[in-house]
Protein backbone atom coordinates (compact mmCIF):
# COMPACT_ATOMS: atom_id res chain seq x y z
CA MET A 1 13.34 11.38 3.01
CA SER A 2 9.83 10.96 3.89
CA ARG A 3 8.69 7.35 3.30
CA LEU A 4 6.93 7.86 0.32
CA VAL A 5 9.51 9.73 -1.32
CA THR A 6 11.83 6.13 -0.55
CA ILE A 7 8.94 4.16 -1.71
CA VAL A 8 8.69 6.12 -5.58
CA VAL A 9 12.50 6.41 -6.45
CA ALA A 10 12.73 3.07 -5.12
CA VAL A 11 10.37 1.78 -7.58
CA ILE A 12 11.83 4.15 -10.31
CA GLY A 13 15.30 2.64 -9.43
CA THR A 14 14.39 -0.84 -10.04
CA GLY A 15 12.15 -0.24 -12.93
CA LEU A 16 14.81 0.91 -14.48
CA MET A 17 17.53 -1.81 -13.55
CA MET A 18 14.81 -4.21 -14.91
CA THR A 19 14.39 -2.60 -18.18
CA PHE A 20 17.71 -3.15 -18.59
CA VAL A 21 18.49 -6.04 -17.65
CA ILE A 22 15.34 -7.37 -19.70
CA GLY A 23 16.65 -5.62 -22.74
CA LEU A 24 20.13 -7.19 -22.24
CA SER A 25 18.86 -10.51 -22.25
CA HIS A 26 16.69 -10.45 -24.55
CA SER A 27 18.88 -8.57 -27.36
CA ILE A 28 21.42 -11.80 -26.31
CA SER A 29 18.80 -14.29 -27.04
CA THR A 30 17.88 -12.73 -30.36
CA GLY A 31 21.25 -11.97 -31.77
CA PHE A 32 24.28 -13.81 -32.51
CA ALA A 33 23.83 -16.04 -29.28
CA GLY A 34 20.21 -17.59 -29.79
CA PHE A 35 17.93 -18.99 -27.23
CA TRP A 36 19.54 -21.76 -25.96
CA GLY A 37 23.21 -19.47 -25.53
CA GLY A 38 21.07 -16.63 -23.97
CA PHE A 39 19.42 -18.92 -21.83
CA PRO A 40 22.09 -19.15 -19.03
CA PHE A 41 22.23 -15.40 -19.02
CA MET A 42 18.28 -14.93 -18.80
CA VAL A 43 18.30 -17.45 -15.46
CA ILE A 44 20.70 -15.47 -13.90
CA ALA A 45 18.53 -12.11 -14.67
CA ILE A 46 15.54 -13.40 -13.48
CA PHE A 47 17.26 -14.16 -10.47
CA VAL A 48 19.04 -10.75 -10.14
CA ILE A 49 15.51 -9.30 -10.58
CA LEU A 50 14.15 -11.42 -7.72
CA LEU A 51 16.83 -10.36 -6.12
CA ALA A 52 16.32 -6.60 -6.34
CA LEU A 53 11.91 -6.98 -6.07
CA TYR A 54 13.09 -8.55 -2.51
CA ASP A 55 15.61 -5.66 -1.58
CA LEU A 56 13.24 -3.38 -2.59
CA TRP A 57 10.33 -4.96 -0.21
CA GLU A 58 12.62 -5.11 2.55
CA GLU A 59 14.18 -1.63 2.50
CA SER A 60 11.35 0.50 1.33
CA ILE A 61 8.16 -1.22 1.58
CA ARG A 62 8.03 -3.75 4.36
CA LYS A 63 10.82 -0.92 6.89
CA ASP A 64 9.05 0.75 9.94
CA ASP A 65 10.25 4.24 10.59
């Protein structure tokens, strides 16, 4: 794949994953668990999103062909 296609696909995939994880975190925090019950998951979700963004940067944007 060309570099541009790789970047576009990686951004779309990361965006979809972020949307799912943020929605799941929001659902847990506003549901039965409440804010403090969903807080540990929220912290883990933020960490996972940061790891995904770092991988996006390393594997598709910064990578030299």
